[in-house]
Amino acid sequence: MVTNNPFVGMATAVTGRTSDGKVWIPSQNISVERALRCYTMGGAKACFMEDRLGSVEPGKWADMVVLDRDLLSVPAEQIGQVQPVMTMVAGKVVWERDD
């Protein structure tokens, strides 16, 4: 299954298993913390925008996603099931999940 869901990608990077259960280079697994850094600061740096994006700091744009659970506390096998509940752009809520 092909997806642009970053949590599925993070789960693969951490567990070494693809979403269809295949083992994918387990010797290159990384920690959840490193995967999170790659998807936040790494993405900002790849766009040459690390001075504005990628972390929560004074002077940055406050683009962020609120998740339904703590990404650093869930079992690695459940990372791909994490869901957003709110998205903020420039500090303003632009999307909220309907529950």
C-alpha atoms as a PDB file:
ATOM      1  CA  MET A   1       0.000   0.000   0.000  1.00  0.00           C
ATOM      2  CA  VAL A   2       1.373   3.402  -0.980  1.00  0.00           C
ATOM      3  CA  THR A   3       0.541   6.274   1.361  1.00  0.00           C
ATOM      4  CA  ASN A   4       1.763   9.751   2.171  1.00  0.00           C
ATOM      5  CA  ASN A   5       0.825   9.260   5.855  1.00  0.00           C
ATOM      6  CA  PRO A   6       3.986  10.280   7.758  1.00  0.00           C
ATOM      7  CA  PHE A   7       3.133   7.998  10.683  1.00  0.00           C
ATOM      8  CA  VAL A   8       3.159   4.918   8.446  1.00  0.00           C
ATOM      9  CA  GLY A   9       6.564   6.019   7.167  1.00  0.00           C
ATOM     10  CA  MET A  10       7.809   6.567  10.707  1.00  0.00           C
ATOM     11  CA  ALA A  11       6.553   3.138  11.773  1.00  0.00           C
ATOM     12  CA  THR A  12       8.481   1.560   8.900  1.00  0.00           C
ATOM     13  CA  ALA A  13      11.640   3.465   9.844  1.00  0.00           C
ATOM     14  CA  VAL A  14      11.336   2.383  13.492  1.00  0.00           C
ATOM     15  CA  THR A  15      10.171  -1.234  13.143  1.00  0.00           C
ATOM     16  CA  GLY A  16      11.703  -2.214   9.814  1.00  0.00           C
ATOM     17  CA  ARG A  17       8.320  -3.498   8.611  1.00  0.00           C
ATOM     18  CA  THR A  18       6.312  -2.067   5.761  1.00  0.00           C
ATOM     19  CA  SER A  19       2.557  -1.558   6.079  1.00  0.00           C
ATOM     20  CA  ASP A  20       1.987  -4.882   4.306  1.00  0.00           C
ATOM     21  CA  GLY A  21       4.158  -6.681   6.898  1.00  0.00           C
ATOM     22  CA  LYS A  22       7.303  -7.199   4.835  1.00  0.00           C
ATOM     23  CA  VAL A  23      10.631  -6.785   6.589  1.00  0.00           C
ATOM     24  CA  TRP A  24      12.524  -3.823   5.195  1.00  0.00           C
ATOM     25  CA  ILE A  25      16.213  -3.460   6.108  1.00  0.00           C
ATOM     26  CA  PRO A  26      15.809  -4.000   9.881  1.00  0.00           C
ATOM     27  CA  SER A  27      19.513  -3.297  10.457  1.00  0.00           C
ATOM     28  CA  GLN A  28      18.781   0.323   9.541  1.00  0.00           C
ATOM     29  CA  ASN A  29      15.913   0.864  12.003  1.00  0.00           C
ATOM     30  CA  ILE A  30      16.030   4.171  13.854  1.00  0.00           C
ATOM     31  CA  SER A  31      14.535   5.384  17.133  1.00  0.00           C
ATOM     32  CA  VAL A  32      11.141   7.058  17.340  1.00  0.00           C
ATOM     33  CA  GLU A  33      12.888  10.249  18.437  1.00  0.00           C
ATOM     34  CA  ARG A  34      15.131  10.215  15.372  1.00  0.00           C
ATOM     35  CA  ALA A  35      12.224   9.460  13.029  1.00  0.00           C
ATOM     36  CA  LEU A  36      10.286  12.386  14.505  1.00  0.00           C
ATOM     37  CA  ARG A  37      13.305  14.652  14.062  1.00  0.00           C
ATOM     38  CA  CYS A  38      13.659  13.502  10.431  1.00  0.00           C
ATOM     39  CA  TYR A  39      10.001  14.293   9.681  1.00  0.00           C
ATOM     40  CA  THR A  40      10.117  17.711  11.379  1.00  0.00           C
ATOM     41  CA  MET A  41      13.536  19.365  11.481  1.00  0.00           C
ATOM     42  CA  GLY A  42      14.786  17.210   8.603  1.00  0.00           C
ATOM     43  CA  GLY A  43      11.910  18.273   6.359  1.00  0.00           C
ATOM     44  CA  ALA A  44      12.401  21.933   7.257  1.00  0.00           C
ATOM     45  CA  LYS A  45      16.117  21.690   6.552  1.00  0.00           C
ATOM     46  CA  ALA A  46      15.501  19.957   3.205  1.00  0.00           C
ATOM     47  CA  CYS A  47      13.400  22.992   2.198  1.00  0.00           C
ATOM     48  CA  PHE A  48      16.035  25.418   3.542  1.00  0.00           C
ATOM     49  CA  MET A  49      13.435  26.678   6.045  1.00  0.00           C
ATOM     50  CA  GLU A  50      14.854  25.429   9.344  1.00  0.00           C
ATOM     51  CA  ASP A  51      14.951  29.025  10.594  1.00  0.00           C
ATOM     52  CA  ARG A  52      11.127  29.190  10.263  1.00  0.00           C
ATOM     53  CA  LEU A  53       9.818  25.598  10.491  1.00  0.00           C
ATOM     54  CA  GLY A  54      10.506  22.202  12.031  1.00  0.00           C
ATOM     55  CA  SER A  55      10.412  22.935  15.754  1.00  0.00           C
ATOM     56  CA  VAL A  56       8.399  24.887  18.299  1.00  0.00           C
ATOM     57  CA  GLU A  57      10.530  27.918  19.141  1.00  0.00           C
ATOM     58  CA  PRO A  58      10.016  31.678  19.530  1.00  0.00           C
ATOM     59  CA  GLY A  59       9.983  33.363  16.134  1.00  0.00           C
ATOM     60  CA  LYS A  60       8.997  30.255  14.172  1.00  0.00           C
ATOM     61  CA  TRP A  61       5.721  29.939  12.285  1.00  0.00           C
ATOM     62  CA  ALA A  62       3.811  27.697  14.735  1.00  0.00           C
ATOM     63  CA  ASP A  63       2.736  25.203  12.065  1.00  0.00           C
ATOM     64  CA  MET A  64       1.894  22.050  14.012  1.00  0.00           C
ATOM     65  CA  VAL A  65      -0.303  19.017  14.353  1.00  0.00           C
ATOM     66  CA  VAL A  66      -1.945  17.817  17.578  1.00  0.00           C
ATOM     67  CA  LEU A  67      -2.085  14.010  17.721  1.00  0.00           C
ATOM     68  CA  ASP A  68      -4.520  11.599  19.362  1.00  0.00           C
ATOM     69  CA  ARG A  69      -1.735  10.070  21.454  1.00  0.00           C
ATOM     70  CA  ASP A  70       1.870  10.627  22.502  1.00  0.00           C
ATOM     71  CA  LEU A  71       4.040   9.468  19.633  1.00  0.00           C
ATOM     72  CA  LEU A  72       6.939   8.818  22.011  1.00  0.00           C
ATOM     73  CA  SER A  73       4.856   6.567  24.284  1.00  0.00           C
ATOM     74  CA  VAL A  74       2.944   4.279  21.906  1.00  0.00           C
ATOM     75  CA  PRO A  75       4.388   0.869  21.028  1.00  0.00           C
ATOM     76  CA  ALA A  76       6.410   1.088  17.798  1.00  0.00           C
ATOM     77  CA  GLU A  77       3.941  -1.224  16.028  1.00  0.00           C
ATOM     78  CA  GLN A  78       1.142   1.321  16.656  1.00  0.00           C
ATOM     79  CA  ILE A  79       2.900   4.424  15.310  1.00  0.00           C
ATOM     80  CA  GLY A  80       1.240   3.965  11.927  1.00  0.00           C
ATOM     81  CA  GLN A  81      -2.172   4.193  13.612  1.00  0.00           C
ATOM     82  CA  VAL A  82      -1.598   7.617  15.183  1.00  0.00           C
ATOM     83  CA  GLN A  83      -4.132  10.170  13.912  1.00  0.00           C
ATOM     84  CA  PRO A  84      -4.164  13.964  13.864  1.00  0.00           C
ATOM     85  CA  VAL A  85      -6.909  15.743  15.809  1.00  0.00           C
ATOM     86  CA  MET A  86      -5.985  19.342  14.941  1.00  0.00           C
ATOM     87  CA  THR A  87      -3.762  21.190  12.490  1.00  0.00           C
ATOM     88  CA  MET A  88      -2.441  24.697  13.051  1.00  0.00           C
ATOM     89  CA  VAL A  89      -0.806  26.975  10.486  1.00  0.00           C
ATOM     90  CA  ALA A  90       0.870  30.180  11.651  1.00  0.00           C
ATOM     91  CA  GLY A  91      -0.632  29.543  15.086  1.00  0.00           C
ATOM     92  CA  LYS A  92      -4.228  29.409  13.832  1.00  0.00           C
ATOM     93  CA  VAL A  93      -6.370  26.272  13.846  1.00  0.00           C
ATOM     94  CA  VAL A  94      -7.122  25.374  10.210  1.00  0.00           C
ATOM     95  CA  TRP A  95      -8.545  21.876  10.740  1.00  0.00           C
ATOM     96  CA  GLU A  96     -10.115  19.921  13.597  1.00  0.00           C
ATOM     97  CA  ARG A  97     -11.324  16.347  13.572  1.00  0.00           C
ATOM     98  CA  ASP A  98     -15.071  15.929  14.053  1.00  0.00           C
ATOM     99  CA  ASP A  99     -15.820  13.501  16.890  1.00  0.00           C
END
